[in-house]
N, C-alpha and C. Protein backbone atom coordinates (compact mmCIF):
# COMPACT_ATOMS: atom_id res chain seq x y z
N MET A 1 35.83 12.19 10.43
CA MET A 1 34.98 13.44 10.72
C MET A 1 33.98 13.51 9.58
N GLY A 2 32.71 13.78 9.96
CA GLY A 2 31.67 13.97 9.03
C GLY A 2 31.60 15.34 8.44
N SER A 3 30.64 15.61 7.60
CA SER A 3 30.45 16.93 7.09
C SER A 3 29.00 17.24 6.79
N THR A 4 28.65 18.47 6.77
CA THR A 4 27.29 18.87 6.37
C THR A 4 26.90 18.46 4.94
N ASN A 5 27.96 18.12 4.07
CA ASN A 5 27.75 17.71 2.79
C ASN A 5 27.07 16.22 2.81
N ALA A 6 27.82 15.44 3.88
CA ALA A 6 27.33 14.12 3.91
C ALA A 6 25.88 14.01 4.44
N VAL A 7 25.55 14.99 5.30
CA VAL A 7 24.10 15.14 5.69
C VAL A 7 23.21 15.40 4.67
N ALA A 8 23.52 16.28 3.86
CA ALA A 8 22.76 16.67 2.69
C ALA A 8 22.60 15.45 1.72
N ALA A 9 23.67 14.73 1.50
CA ALA A 9 23.58 13.58 0.57
C ALA A 9 22.61 12.50 1.17
N ALA A 10 22.79 12.32 2.52
CA ALA A 10 21.88 11.35 3.05
C ALA A 10 20.42 11.77 3.18
N ALA A 11 20.19 13.08 3.33
CA ALA A 11 18.74 13.66 3.30
C ALA A 11 18.19 13.39 1.86
N VAL A 12 19.04 13.71 0.87
CA VAL A 12 18.45 13.48 -0.51
C VAL A 12 18.14 12.08 -0.66
N ALA A 13 19.08 11.13 -0.30
CA ALA A 13 18.80 9.75 -0.46
C ALA A 13 17.42 9.25 0.31
N PHE A 14 17.37 9.85 1.51
CA PHE A 14 16.14 9.52 2.34
C PHE A 14 14.81 9.91 1.72
N VAL A 15 14.80 11.20 1.27
CA VAL A 15 13.60 11.84 0.74
C VAL A 15 13.36 11.21 -0.61
N GLY A 16 14.42 11.18 -1.47
CA GLY A 16 14.34 10.78 -2.82
C GLY A 16 13.80 9.28 -2.95
N SER A 17 14.42 8.47 -2.21
CA SER A 17 14.00 6.92 -2.16
C SER A 17 12.51 6.88 -1.75
N HIS A 18 12.06 7.64 -0.83
CA HIS A 18 10.71 7.65 -0.41
C HIS A 18 9.78 7.91 -1.63
N PHE A 19 9.99 9.07 -2.30
CA PHE A 19 9.14 9.48 -3.33
C PHE A 19 9.25 8.47 -4.54
N LEU A 20 10.37 7.99 -4.82
CA LEU A 20 10.60 7.05 -6.01
C LEU A 20 9.80 5.74 -5.67
N LEU A 21 9.88 5.25 -4.43
CA LEU A 21 9.25 3.95 -4.19
C LEU A 21 7.64 4.21 -4.00
N SER A 22 7.33 5.31 -3.45
CA SER A 22 5.91 5.61 -3.17
C SER A 22 5.10 5.93 -4.38
N HIS A 23 5.77 6.39 -5.49
CA HIS A 23 5.06 6.84 -6.63
C HIS A 23 5.43 6.19 -7.96
N PRO A 24 6.57 6.54 -8.63
CA PRO A 24 6.92 6.01 -9.94
C PRO A 24 7.12 4.45 -10.02
N LEU A 25 7.86 3.93 -8.93
CA LEU A 25 8.28 2.65 -8.90
C LEU A 25 7.36 1.77 -8.16
N ARG A 26 6.40 2.21 -7.48
CA ARG A 26 5.56 1.36 -6.73
C ARG A 26 4.78 0.25 -7.45
N ARG A 27 4.09 0.73 -8.50
CA ARG A 27 3.25 -0.19 -9.38
C ARG A 27 4.08 -1.28 -9.99
N ARG A 28 5.28 -1.01 -10.45
CA ARG A 28 6.19 -2.06 -11.03
C ARG A 28 6.65 -3.03 -10.04
N LEU A 29 7.00 -2.53 -8.89
CA LEU A 29 7.54 -3.34 -7.85
C LEU A 29 6.39 -4.24 -7.24
N VAL A 30 5.25 -3.76 -7.05
CA VAL A 30 4.10 -4.49 -6.56
C VAL A 30 3.75 -5.69 -7.65
N ARG A 31 3.91 -5.34 -8.86
CA ARG A 31 3.60 -6.43 -9.88
C ARG A 31 4.70 -7.46 -9.76
N ALA A 32 6.03 -7.02 -9.49
CA ALA A 32 7.04 -7.96 -9.70
C ALA A 32 7.14 -8.88 -8.32
N ILE A 33 6.94 -8.23 -7.15
CA ILE A 33 7.22 -8.92 -5.85
C ILE A 33 5.96 -8.91 -4.90
N GLY A 34 4.89 -8.40 -5.35
CA GLY A 34 3.71 -8.43 -4.53
C GLY A 34 3.64 -7.35 -3.55
N GLU A 35 2.54 -7.16 -2.94
CA GLU A 35 2.39 -6.03 -1.96
C GLU A 35 3.21 -6.18 -0.72
N THR A 36 3.21 -7.42 -0.28
CA THR A 36 4.10 -7.74 1.05
C THR A 36 5.43 -7.58 0.65
N GLY A 37 5.93 -8.02 -0.48
CA GLY A 37 7.44 -7.82 -0.84
C GLY A 37 7.69 -6.37 -0.99
N PHE A 38 6.83 -5.61 -1.53
CA PHE A 38 7.07 -4.18 -1.76
C PHE A 38 7.29 -3.48 -0.45
N LEU A 39 6.27 -3.77 0.54
CA LEU A 39 6.39 -3.15 1.82
C LEU A 39 7.63 -3.46 2.54
N GLY A 40 8.08 -4.70 2.20
CA GLY A 40 9.36 -5.13 2.88
C GLY A 40 10.52 -4.30 2.30
N VAL A 41 10.62 -4.16 1.11
CA VAL A 41 11.61 -3.38 0.32
C VAL A 41 11.57 -1.97 0.79
N TYR A 42 10.32 -1.41 0.82
CA TYR A 42 10.09 0.09 1.19
C TYR A 42 10.59 0.25 2.58
N SER A 43 10.21 -0.66 3.53
CA SER A 43 10.55 -0.38 4.95
C SER A 43 12.10 -0.56 5.08
N LEU A 44 12.73 -1.48 4.38
CA LEU A 44 14.18 -1.66 4.35
C LEU A 44 14.91 -0.43 3.93
N VAL A 45 14.50 0.05 2.85
CA VAL A 45 15.18 1.32 2.23
C VAL A 45 14.98 2.41 3.13
N ALA A 46 13.74 2.71 3.70
CA ALA A 46 13.48 3.83 4.51
C ALA A 46 14.33 3.67 5.77
N LEU A 47 14.53 2.47 6.29
CA LEU A 47 15.27 2.41 7.50
C LEU A 47 16.73 2.62 7.26
N LEU A 48 17.31 2.17 6.22
CA LEU A 48 18.58 2.25 5.81
C LEU A 48 19.09 3.74 5.61
N THR A 49 18.21 4.39 4.86
CA THR A 49 18.45 5.72 4.46
C THR A 49 18.31 6.63 5.67
N PHE A 50 17.26 6.40 6.52
CA PHE A 50 17.11 7.22 7.69
C PHE A 50 18.30 6.91 8.62
N GLY A 51 18.65 5.68 8.84
CA GLY A 51 19.90 5.42 9.61
C GLY A 51 21.05 6.14 9.12
N TRP A 52 21.28 6.27 7.93
CA TRP A 52 22.48 6.89 7.31
C TRP A 52 22.32 8.48 7.60
N LEU A 53 21.10 8.99 7.46
CA LEU A 53 20.92 10.43 7.72
C LEU A 53 21.20 10.68 9.24
N ILE A 54 20.78 9.84 10.15
CA ILE A 54 21.10 10.11 11.56
C ILE A 54 22.50 10.10 11.87
N LEU A 55 23.32 9.02 11.26
CA LEU A 55 24.67 8.85 11.52
C LEU A 55 25.46 10.00 11.06
N THR A 56 25.15 10.48 9.80
CA THR A 56 25.79 11.64 9.28
C THR A 56 25.52 12.91 10.14
N TYR A 57 24.37 13.11 10.59
CA TYR A 57 23.88 14.10 11.50
C TYR A 57 24.78 14.10 12.67
N LEU A 58 24.96 13.02 13.35
CA LEU A 58 25.68 12.98 14.62
C LEU A 58 27.20 13.20 14.41
N LYS A 59 27.81 12.85 13.19
CA LYS A 59 29.14 13.03 13.04
C LYS A 59 29.46 14.45 12.39
N ALA A 60 28.55 15.15 11.88
CA ALA A 60 28.74 16.45 11.25
C ALA A 60 29.19 17.51 12.37
N PRO A 61 30.03 18.37 11.95
CA PRO A 61 30.58 19.36 13.00
C PRO A 61 29.36 20.30 13.39
N LEU A 62 29.41 20.96 14.45
CA LEU A 62 28.47 21.91 14.93
C LEU A 62 28.85 23.26 14.47
N SER A 63 28.09 23.76 13.57
CA SER A 63 28.27 25.10 13.05
C SER A 63 27.68 26.18 13.86
N ALA A 64 28.09 27.47 13.66
CA ALA A 64 27.59 28.47 14.42
C ALA A 64 26.05 28.76 14.14
N PRO A 65 25.28 29.06 15.19
CA PRO A 65 23.76 29.32 14.80
C PRO A 65 23.50 30.51 13.91
N LEU A 66 22.65 30.39 13.07
CA LEU A 66 22.41 31.48 12.01
C LEU A 66 21.62 32.66 12.69
N TRP A 67 21.01 32.49 13.92
CA TRP A 67 20.40 33.62 14.55
C TRP A 67 20.39 33.25 16.05
N PRO A 68 20.14 34.37 16.91
CA PRO A 68 20.12 34.17 18.35
C PRO A 68 18.87 33.46 18.66
N VAL A 69 18.83 32.64 19.76
CA VAL A 69 17.65 31.94 20.13
C VAL A 69 17.40 32.26 21.64
N GLY A 70 16.38 33.07 21.97
CA GLY A 70 16.05 33.45 23.31
C GLY A 70 14.81 32.79 23.83
N ASN A 71 14.41 33.05 25.07
CA ASN A 71 13.20 32.43 25.64
C ASN A 71 11.95 32.70 24.84
N GLY A 72 11.87 33.80 24.15
CA GLY A 72 10.62 34.09 23.41
C GLY A 72 10.46 33.11 22.31
N LEU A 73 11.51 32.78 21.55
CA LEU A 73 11.45 31.86 20.54
C LEU A 73 11.20 30.43 21.01
N TRP A 74 11.89 30.14 22.14
CA TRP A 74 11.59 28.88 22.72
C TRP A 74 10.14 28.70 23.07
N ALA A 75 9.58 29.73 23.74
CA ALA A 75 8.13 29.65 24.16
C ALA A 75 7.13 29.45 22.95
N VAL A 76 7.49 30.17 21.86
CA VAL A 76 6.60 29.91 20.59
C VAL A 76 6.77 28.46 20.12
N ALA A 77 8.00 28.06 20.05
CA ALA A 77 8.18 26.64 19.59
C ALA A 77 7.46 25.66 20.58
N THR A 78 7.56 25.85 21.88
CA THR A 78 6.95 25.09 22.83
C THR A 78 5.42 25.00 22.59
N ALA A 79 4.79 26.14 22.32
CA ALA A 79 3.42 26.07 22.08
C ALA A 79 3.05 25.33 20.74
N VAL A 80 3.77 25.71 19.75
CA VAL A 80 3.54 25.00 18.47
C VAL A 80 3.75 23.47 18.56
N MET A 81 4.72 22.99 19.33
CA MET A 81 4.87 21.57 19.51
C MET A 81 3.61 21.00 20.15
N LEU A 82 3.08 21.66 21.06
CA LEU A 82 1.90 21.05 21.73
C LEU A 82 0.83 20.94 20.60
N ILE A 83 0.63 21.86 19.78
CA ILE A 83 -0.36 21.88 18.71
C ILE A 83 0.03 20.68 17.73
N ALA A 84 1.29 20.54 17.41
CA ALA A 84 1.76 19.35 16.59
C ALA A 84 1.45 18.02 17.32
N SER A 85 1.61 17.92 18.53
CA SER A 85 1.40 16.66 19.25
C SER A 85 -0.15 16.38 19.27
N ILE A 86 -0.98 17.29 19.36
CA ILE A 86 -2.45 17.14 19.30
C ILE A 86 -2.87 16.71 17.92
N LEU A 87 -2.23 17.29 16.85
CA LEU A 87 -2.55 16.85 15.49
C LEU A 87 -2.09 15.49 15.31
N LEU A 88 -0.94 15.01 15.78
CA LEU A 88 -0.39 13.71 15.58
C LEU A 88 -1.31 12.70 16.17
N MET A 89 -1.77 12.86 17.46
CA MET A 89 -2.62 11.98 18.06
C MET A 89 -3.97 11.96 17.54
N GLY A 90 -4.35 13.24 17.03
CA GLY A 90 -5.77 13.23 16.50
C GLY A 90 -5.80 12.52 15.08
N SER A 91 -4.55 12.43 14.49
CA SER A 91 -4.54 11.79 13.16
C SER A 91 -4.66 10.22 13.19
N LEU A 92 -4.59 9.53 14.30
CA LEU A 92 -4.51 8.22 14.38
C LEU A 92 -5.87 7.45 14.46
N ILE A 93 -6.96 8.15 14.63
CA ILE A 93 -8.30 7.58 14.58
C ILE A 93 -9.17 8.24 13.59
N ARG A 94 -9.81 7.24 12.77
CA ARG A 94 -10.62 7.72 11.54
C ARG A 94 -10.03 8.58 10.62
N ASN A 95 -8.90 8.31 10.29
CA ASN A 95 -7.94 9.06 9.28
C ASN A 95 -8.16 8.25 7.90
N PRO A 96 -8.92 8.82 6.97
CA PRO A 96 -8.99 8.19 5.67
C PRO A 96 -7.61 7.95 4.90
N ALA A 97 -6.66 8.79 5.24
CA ALA A 97 -5.37 8.80 4.47
C ALA A 97 -4.49 7.65 5.07
N LEU A 98 -4.79 6.96 6.18
CA LEU A 98 -3.94 6.00 6.71
C LEU A 98 -4.06 4.64 5.76
N PRO A 99 -3.10 3.80 5.59
CA PRO A 99 -3.16 2.60 4.85
C PRO A 99 -4.18 1.65 5.35
N THR A 100 -4.93 1.09 4.49
CA THR A 100 -6.06 0.09 4.77
C THR A 100 -5.88 -1.27 4.15
N GLY A 101 -4.77 -1.57 3.63
CA GLY A 101 -4.46 -2.81 2.96
C GLY A 101 -5.20 -2.97 1.79
N GLY A 102 -5.46 -1.86 1.05
CA GLY A 102 -6.17 -2.04 -0.25
C GLY A 102 -7.73 -1.78 -0.17
N ARG A 103 -8.23 -1.72 1.08
CA ARG A 103 -9.68 -1.65 1.18
C ARG A 103 -9.98 -0.08 1.43
N PRO A 104 -11.12 0.34 0.93
CA PRO A 104 -11.47 1.73 0.98
C PRO A 104 -11.51 2.11 2.48
N GLY A 105 -11.01 3.23 2.79
CA GLY A 105 -10.98 3.80 4.18
C GLY A 105 -12.39 4.38 4.57
N ALA A 106 -12.61 4.39 5.74
CA ALA A 106 -13.76 5.01 6.30
C ALA A 106 -13.65 6.54 6.31
N PHE A 107 -14.67 7.24 5.74
CA PHE A 107 -14.66 8.69 5.70
C PHE A 107 -15.66 9.26 6.70
N PRO A 108 -15.23 10.01 7.59
CA PRO A 108 -16.10 10.75 8.59
C PRO A 108 -17.19 11.51 7.70
N GLU A 109 -18.33 11.79 8.28
CA GLU A 109 -19.35 12.56 7.71
C GLU A 109 -18.96 14.01 7.60
N ALA A 110 -18.21 14.53 8.69
CA ALA A 110 -17.82 15.84 8.76
C ALA A 110 -16.51 15.83 9.30
N ALA A 111 -15.69 16.98 8.78
CA ALA A 111 -14.35 17.11 9.34
C ALA A 111 -14.40 17.67 10.73
N ARG A 112 -13.89 16.97 11.80
CA ARG A 112 -13.80 17.42 13.02
C ARG A 112 -12.54 17.18 13.74
N GLY A 113 -12.28 17.92 14.87
CA GLY A 113 -11.02 17.74 15.52
C GLY A 113 -9.85 18.15 14.68
N ALA A 114 -8.84 17.20 14.63
CA ALA A 114 -7.68 17.47 13.86
C ALA A 114 -7.93 17.66 12.31
N PHE A 115 -9.03 16.96 11.85
CA PHE A 115 -9.19 17.00 10.38
C PHE A 115 -9.94 18.17 9.97
N ALA A 116 -10.57 18.95 11.00
CA ALA A 116 -11.15 20.27 10.68
C ALA A 116 -10.02 21.22 10.48
N VAL A 117 -8.87 21.03 11.22
CA VAL A 117 -7.61 21.93 10.97
C VAL A 117 -7.06 21.54 9.56
N THR A 118 -6.74 20.31 9.31
CA THR A 118 -6.19 19.94 8.09
C THR A 118 -6.52 18.41 7.69
N ARG A 119 -6.62 18.14 6.48
CA ARG A 119 -6.93 16.60 6.28
C ARG A 119 -5.65 15.86 6.35
N HIS A 120 -4.49 16.47 6.59
CA HIS A 120 -3.26 15.83 6.66
C HIS A 120 -2.56 16.19 8.11
N PRO A 121 -3.30 15.92 9.15
CA PRO A 121 -2.67 16.26 10.41
C PRO A 121 -1.36 15.57 10.89
N MET A 122 -1.21 14.33 10.48
CA MET A 122 0.04 13.70 10.81
C MET A 122 1.20 14.37 10.16
N MET A 123 1.05 14.59 8.77
CA MET A 123 1.99 15.17 7.99
C MET A 123 2.35 16.57 8.50
N TRP A 124 1.30 17.42 8.84
CA TRP A 124 1.59 18.69 9.39
C TRP A 124 2.27 18.62 10.72
N SER A 125 2.12 17.64 11.53
CA SER A 125 2.62 17.47 12.80
C SER A 125 4.19 17.27 12.65
N PHE A 126 4.53 16.51 11.64
CA PHE A 126 5.92 16.35 11.27
C PHE A 126 6.47 17.62 10.81
N ALA A 127 5.90 18.28 9.96
CA ALA A 127 6.37 19.60 9.38
C ALA A 127 6.54 20.62 10.47
N LEU A 128 5.55 20.79 11.41
CA LEU A 128 5.71 21.58 12.56
C LEU A 128 6.79 21.24 13.40
N TRP A 129 7.13 19.99 13.71
CA TRP A 129 8.20 19.52 14.43
C TRP A 129 9.58 20.05 13.71
N GLY A 130 9.68 19.85 12.45
CA GLY A 130 10.85 20.42 11.72
C GLY A 130 11.06 21.89 11.75
N LEU A 131 10.00 22.51 11.58
CA LEU A 131 10.01 23.96 11.65
C LEU A 131 10.45 24.49 13.07
N CYS A 132 9.91 23.89 14.01
CA CYS A 132 10.17 24.28 15.48
C CYS A 132 11.63 24.04 15.72
N HIS A 133 12.15 22.86 15.22
CA HIS A 133 13.63 22.51 15.55
C HIS A 133 14.58 23.33 14.81
N VAL A 134 14.27 23.81 13.57
CA VAL A 134 15.05 24.84 12.84
C VAL A 134 15.00 26.10 13.74
N ALA A 135 13.94 26.60 14.22
CA ALA A 135 13.79 27.77 14.91
C ALA A 135 14.63 27.91 16.08
N VAL A 136 14.67 26.81 16.88
CA VAL A 136 15.44 26.87 18.08
C VAL A 136 16.89 26.40 18.09
N PHE A 137 17.27 25.71 16.91
CA PHE A 137 18.55 25.08 16.77
C PHE A 137 19.05 25.22 15.23
N PRO A 138 19.19 26.60 15.04
CA PRO A 138 19.61 26.91 13.60
C PRO A 138 21.01 26.62 13.20
N VAL A 139 21.53 25.49 13.25
CA VAL A 139 22.82 25.10 12.71
C VAL A 139 22.62 24.24 11.54
N ALA A 140 23.66 24.30 10.63
CA ALA A 140 23.55 23.76 9.43
C ALA A 140 23.09 22.34 9.31
N ARG A 141 23.60 21.35 10.12
CA ARG A 141 23.22 19.98 10.02
C ARG A 141 21.79 19.83 10.47
N ASN A 142 21.28 20.54 11.50
CA ASN A 142 19.97 20.39 11.85
C ASN A 142 19.01 21.06 10.92
N ILE A 143 19.39 22.19 10.23
CA ILE A 143 18.50 22.71 9.25
C ILE A 143 18.36 21.75 8.07
N ILE A 144 19.31 20.99 7.66
CA ILE A 144 19.30 20.10 6.55
C ILE A 144 18.25 18.85 6.92
N LEU A 145 18.52 18.43 8.15
CA LEU A 145 17.68 17.34 8.53
C LEU A 145 16.25 17.66 8.74
N ALA A 146 15.99 18.72 9.44
CA ALA A 146 14.59 19.17 9.62
C ALA A 146 14.00 19.63 8.27
N ALA A 147 14.68 20.22 7.41
CA ALA A 147 14.09 20.64 6.13
C ALA A 147 13.78 19.42 5.29
N ALA A 148 14.53 18.30 5.37
CA ALA A 148 14.19 17.12 4.77
C ALA A 148 12.78 16.46 5.23
N ILE A 149 12.65 16.65 6.62
CA ILE A 149 11.46 16.07 7.12
C ILE A 149 10.26 16.97 6.72
N VAL A 150 10.41 18.26 6.77
CA VAL A 150 9.29 19.23 6.25
C VAL A 150 8.96 18.98 4.80
N PHE A 151 9.93 18.89 3.96
CA PHE A 151 9.77 18.67 2.48
C PHE A 151 8.99 17.32 2.41
N LEU A 152 9.53 16.25 3.03
CA LEU A 152 8.85 14.97 2.75
C LEU A 152 7.47 15.00 3.29
N ALA A 153 7.19 15.63 4.40
CA ALA A 153 5.88 15.68 4.76
C ALA A 153 4.83 16.43 4.07
N LEU A 154 5.31 17.70 3.71
CA LEU A 154 4.32 18.53 2.93
C LEU A 154 4.22 18.22 1.50
N VAL A 155 5.19 17.78 0.91
CA VAL A 155 5.13 17.41 -0.59
C VAL A 155 4.41 16.05 -0.61
N GLY A 156 4.90 15.19 0.44
CA GLY A 156 4.19 13.93 0.43
C GLY A 156 2.64 13.96 0.51
N ALA A 157 2.25 14.89 1.43
CA ALA A 157 0.77 15.10 1.62
C ALA A 157 0.16 15.60 0.28
N ALA A 158 0.84 16.49 -0.43
CA ALA A 158 0.19 17.00 -1.67
C ALA A 158 0.06 15.84 -2.68
N LEU A 159 1.18 15.12 -2.85
CA LEU A 159 1.18 13.97 -3.78
C LEU A 159 0.12 12.92 -3.37
N GLN A 160 -0.11 12.74 -2.06
CA GLN A 160 -1.02 11.77 -1.60
C GLN A 160 -2.46 12.24 -2.04
N ASP A 161 -2.72 13.49 -1.98
CA ASP A 161 -4.05 14.06 -2.57
C ASP A 161 -4.24 13.57 -4.01
N ARG A 162 -3.14 13.86 -4.84
CA ARG A 162 -3.30 13.55 -6.11
C ARG A 162 -3.53 11.94 -6.38
N LYS A 163 -2.77 11.21 -5.62
CA LYS A 163 -2.91 9.67 -5.79
C LYS A 163 -4.27 9.35 -5.32
N LYS A 164 -4.86 9.83 -4.34
CA LYS A 164 -6.15 9.47 -3.74
C LYS A 164 -7.24 9.97 -4.60
N GLU A 165 -7.01 11.08 -5.24
CA GLU A 165 -7.99 11.58 -6.27
C GLU A 165 -8.16 10.57 -7.32
N ARG A 166 -7.06 9.92 -7.72
CA ARG A 166 -7.09 9.11 -8.97
C ARG A 166 -7.55 7.69 -8.49
N LEU A 167 -7.31 7.22 -7.30
CA LEU A 167 -7.74 5.87 -6.89
C LEU A 167 -9.14 5.90 -6.29
N GLN A 168 -9.50 7.08 -5.71
CA GLN A 168 -10.76 6.98 -5.07
C GLN A 168 -11.62 8.23 -5.54
N PRO A 169 -11.93 8.30 -6.83
CA PRO A 169 -12.53 9.63 -7.39
C PRO A 169 -13.91 9.76 -6.95
N ASP A 170 -14.63 8.85 -6.27
CA ASP A 170 -15.94 9.02 -5.85
C ASP A 170 -15.93 9.34 -4.31
N LEU A 171 -14.78 9.32 -3.68
CA LEU A 171 -14.62 9.52 -2.25
C LEU A 171 -13.74 10.55 -1.79
N TRP A 172 -12.48 10.74 -2.33
CA TRP A 172 -11.55 11.61 -1.99
C TRP A 172 -11.92 13.02 -2.26
N PRO A 173 -12.33 13.42 -3.51
CA PRO A 173 -12.75 14.75 -3.75
C PRO A 173 -13.79 15.30 -2.75
N ALA A 174 -14.78 14.44 -2.29
CA ALA A 174 -15.73 14.79 -1.38
C ALA A 174 -15.14 15.13 -0.11
N TRP A 175 -14.19 14.34 0.30
CA TRP A 175 -13.43 14.73 1.61
C TRP A 175 -12.62 16.00 1.50
N GLU A 176 -12.05 16.23 0.29
CA GLU A 176 -11.35 17.42 0.14
C GLU A 176 -12.23 18.60 0.25
N SER A 177 -13.46 18.53 -0.22
CA SER A 177 -14.31 19.62 -0.19
C SER A 177 -14.80 20.06 1.30
N LYS A 178 -14.58 18.98 2.22
CA LYS A 178 -14.86 19.36 3.64
C LYS A 178 -13.68 19.70 4.42
N THR A 179 -12.51 19.62 3.83
CA THR A 179 -11.30 19.87 4.63
C THR A 179 -10.38 20.72 3.90
N SER A 180 -9.18 20.81 4.28
CA SER A 180 -8.10 21.60 3.50
C SER A 180 -6.73 21.07 3.81
N TYR A 181 -5.94 21.34 2.71
CA TYR A 181 -4.48 20.96 2.91
C TYR A 181 -3.82 21.91 3.93
N LEU A 182 -4.02 23.21 3.72
CA LEU A 182 -3.34 24.18 4.60
C LEU A 182 -4.16 24.20 5.86
N PRO A 183 -3.44 24.31 7.00
CA PRO A 183 -4.17 24.24 8.34
C PRO A 183 -4.99 25.47 8.34
N PHE A 184 -6.27 25.17 8.95
CA PHE A 184 -7.35 26.19 9.26
C PHE A 184 -7.90 26.86 7.95
N ALA A 185 -7.50 26.59 6.77
CA ALA A 185 -8.03 27.05 5.60
C ALA A 185 -9.57 26.76 5.54
N ALA A 186 -9.94 25.40 5.65
CA ALA A 186 -11.42 25.03 5.56
C ALA A 186 -12.17 25.66 6.78
N ILE A 187 -11.57 25.99 7.85
CA ILE A 187 -12.33 26.69 8.86
C ILE A 187 -12.64 28.09 8.41
N ALA A 188 -11.48 28.67 7.86
CA ALA A 188 -11.66 30.12 7.50
C ALA A 188 -12.72 30.19 6.33
N ALA A 189 -12.83 29.25 5.53
CA ALA A 189 -13.60 29.29 4.35
C ALA A 189 -15.14 28.81 4.72
N GLY A 190 -15.29 28.35 5.92
CA GLY A 190 -16.61 27.90 6.39
C GLY A 190 -17.03 26.54 6.12
N ARG A 191 -16.07 25.67 5.59
CA ARG A 191 -16.36 24.42 5.28
C ARG A 191 -16.19 23.38 6.50
N ALA A 192 -15.59 23.81 7.46
CA ALA A 192 -15.32 23.05 8.80
C ALA A 192 -15.45 24.02 9.89
N ARG A 193 -15.62 23.41 11.09
CA ARG A 193 -15.76 24.11 12.33
C ARG A 193 -14.80 23.70 13.28
N LEU A 194 -14.02 24.57 13.99
CA LEU A 194 -13.09 24.10 14.94
C LEU A 194 -13.68 23.67 16.18
N GLY A 195 -13.28 22.39 16.60
CA GLY A 195 -13.86 21.66 17.72
C GLY A 195 -13.98 20.17 17.44
N GLY A 196 -14.52 19.49 18.49
CA GLY A 196 -14.64 18.10 18.22
C GLY A 196 -13.55 17.18 18.45
N PHE A 197 -12.50 17.83 19.11
CA PHE A 197 -11.29 17.03 19.47
C PHE A 197 -11.61 15.95 20.50
N GLY A 198 -11.26 14.75 20.29
CA GLY A 198 -11.52 13.68 21.16
C GLY A 198 -10.48 13.67 22.34
N LEU A 199 -10.73 12.90 23.34
CA LEU A 199 -9.68 12.77 24.39
C LEU A 199 -8.40 12.18 23.92
N HIS A 200 -8.36 11.32 22.98
CA HIS A 200 -7.25 10.66 22.42
C HIS A 200 -6.37 11.79 21.87
N ALA A 201 -6.94 12.91 21.22
CA ALA A 201 -6.20 13.94 20.68
C ALA A 201 -5.69 14.90 21.79
N LEU A 202 -6.56 15.38 22.59
CA LEU A 202 -6.18 16.28 23.60
C LEU A 202 -5.19 15.73 24.70
N LEU A 203 -5.76 14.84 25.34
CA LEU A 203 -4.94 14.27 26.42
C LEU A 203 -3.85 13.37 25.89
N GLY A 204 -3.90 12.74 24.80
CA GLY A 204 -2.81 11.98 24.19
C GLY A 204 -1.81 12.96 23.78
N GLY A 205 -2.19 14.05 23.01
CA GLY A 205 -1.27 15.07 22.62
C GLY A 205 -0.46 15.63 23.76
N LEU A 206 -1.16 16.04 24.81
CA LEU A 206 -0.54 16.54 26.08
C LEU A 206 0.53 15.58 26.51
N VAL A 207 0.06 14.27 26.63
CA VAL A 207 1.15 13.32 27.21
C VAL A 207 2.32 13.13 26.39
N VAL A 208 2.14 13.04 25.02
CA VAL A 208 3.15 12.94 24.03
C VAL A 208 4.04 14.13 24.15
N TRP A 209 3.48 15.33 24.18
CA TRP A 209 4.16 16.64 24.36
C TRP A 209 5.11 16.69 25.66
N LEU A 210 4.48 16.25 26.76
CA LEU A 210 5.20 16.30 28.01
C LEU A 210 6.31 15.26 28.02
N VAL A 211 6.11 14.12 27.70
CA VAL A 211 7.14 13.12 27.56
C VAL A 211 8.25 13.33 26.65
N ALA A 212 7.91 13.82 25.31
CA ALA A 212 8.83 14.10 24.32
C ALA A 212 9.83 15.17 24.79
N THR A 213 9.26 16.22 25.34
CA THR A 213 10.02 17.40 25.62
C THR A 213 10.86 17.07 27.00
N TRP A 214 10.31 16.18 27.92
CA TRP A 214 11.07 15.78 28.98
C TRP A 214 12.23 14.97 28.67
N ALA A 215 11.99 14.02 27.71
CA ALA A 215 13.05 13.19 27.15
C ALA A 215 14.25 13.83 26.38
N HIS A 216 13.84 15.14 25.99
CA HIS A 216 14.90 15.83 25.24
C HIS A 216 16.30 16.07 26.00
N PHE A 217 16.16 16.32 27.32
CA PHE A 217 17.33 16.52 28.09
C PHE A 217 18.22 15.28 28.13
N PRO A 218 17.67 14.21 28.53
CA PRO A 218 18.49 12.89 28.75
C PRO A 218 19.10 12.50 27.34
N LEU A 219 18.30 12.79 26.28
CA LEU A 219 18.82 12.38 24.95
C LEU A 219 19.69 13.22 24.25
N THR A 220 19.57 14.60 24.50
CA THR A 220 20.45 15.55 23.73
C THR A 220 21.25 16.47 24.64
N GLY A 221 20.95 16.47 25.90
CA GLY A 221 21.70 17.25 26.83
C GLY A 221 21.03 18.84 26.91
N TRP A 222 20.00 19.07 26.03
CA TRP A 222 19.24 20.22 26.18
C TRP A 222 17.87 20.18 26.68
N ALA A 223 17.47 21.00 27.59
CA ALA A 223 16.13 20.98 28.11
C ALA A 223 15.16 21.71 27.09
N ALA A 224 14.03 21.14 26.88
CA ALA A 224 13.09 21.58 25.91
C ALA A 224 11.61 21.71 26.47
N GLY A 225 10.74 22.48 25.88
CA GLY A 225 9.36 22.65 26.38
C GLY A 225 9.30 23.35 27.60
N ILE A 226 8.33 23.09 28.45
CA ILE A 226 8.20 23.69 29.66
C ILE A 226 9.27 23.37 30.71
N TRP A 227 10.03 22.29 30.35
CA TRP A 227 11.09 21.71 31.23
C TRP A 227 12.31 22.72 31.39
N ARG A 228 12.32 23.71 30.20
CA ARG A 228 13.42 24.73 30.29
C ARG A 228 13.22 25.71 31.49
N TRP A 229 11.91 25.85 31.93
CA TRP A 229 11.60 26.80 32.91
C TRP A 229 11.26 26.17 34.29
N LEU A 230 11.38 24.85 34.36
CA LEU A 230 10.92 24.17 35.63
C LEU A 230 12.23 23.77 36.34
């Protein structure tokens, strides 16, 4: 029988190993085994620790929910998950934060679409996923797993800014001046305008949202999204 303590230990290992390999240990490992070797080690550690996290999650007992969850909360989470899906799909094209194999990334002239909302739309989509899952399934094991994802996404995004400022001092600060870490902050400050979402973001996000919420029932036994009411 598993326990929530085991879930917490696996979550610490998953998040901690990611930060250690991405920041203090990365340079040494790249020097020792090369970029390809480092990516192999990084991927293996991430896969093993995430697998451990999922196994402990599945084995942990189901505790009592910390608060009641009604249709109102489900409706809010459903709408937020659509936004998260649009941000995720919008982050896949012309994203300067994505890995480029050591080459400088392409920076859009203006922040549009998902990047007008935040310069880290992928990370915020993961964070919104975690927050929504805590809201509608507030049991101990799920709160630990979702909190690990939220922490990894949001702290990782902030650390990525610091790293990019150091590695691309002539490019990243200029991009930061057009965008914002916090969603909608650049729009509120007048540095960006809401709009310019491509079809890959809007239609792609809609498809991801519909498929992911539909798959929730066969995978977990719980209906999610609009499928709860259909």
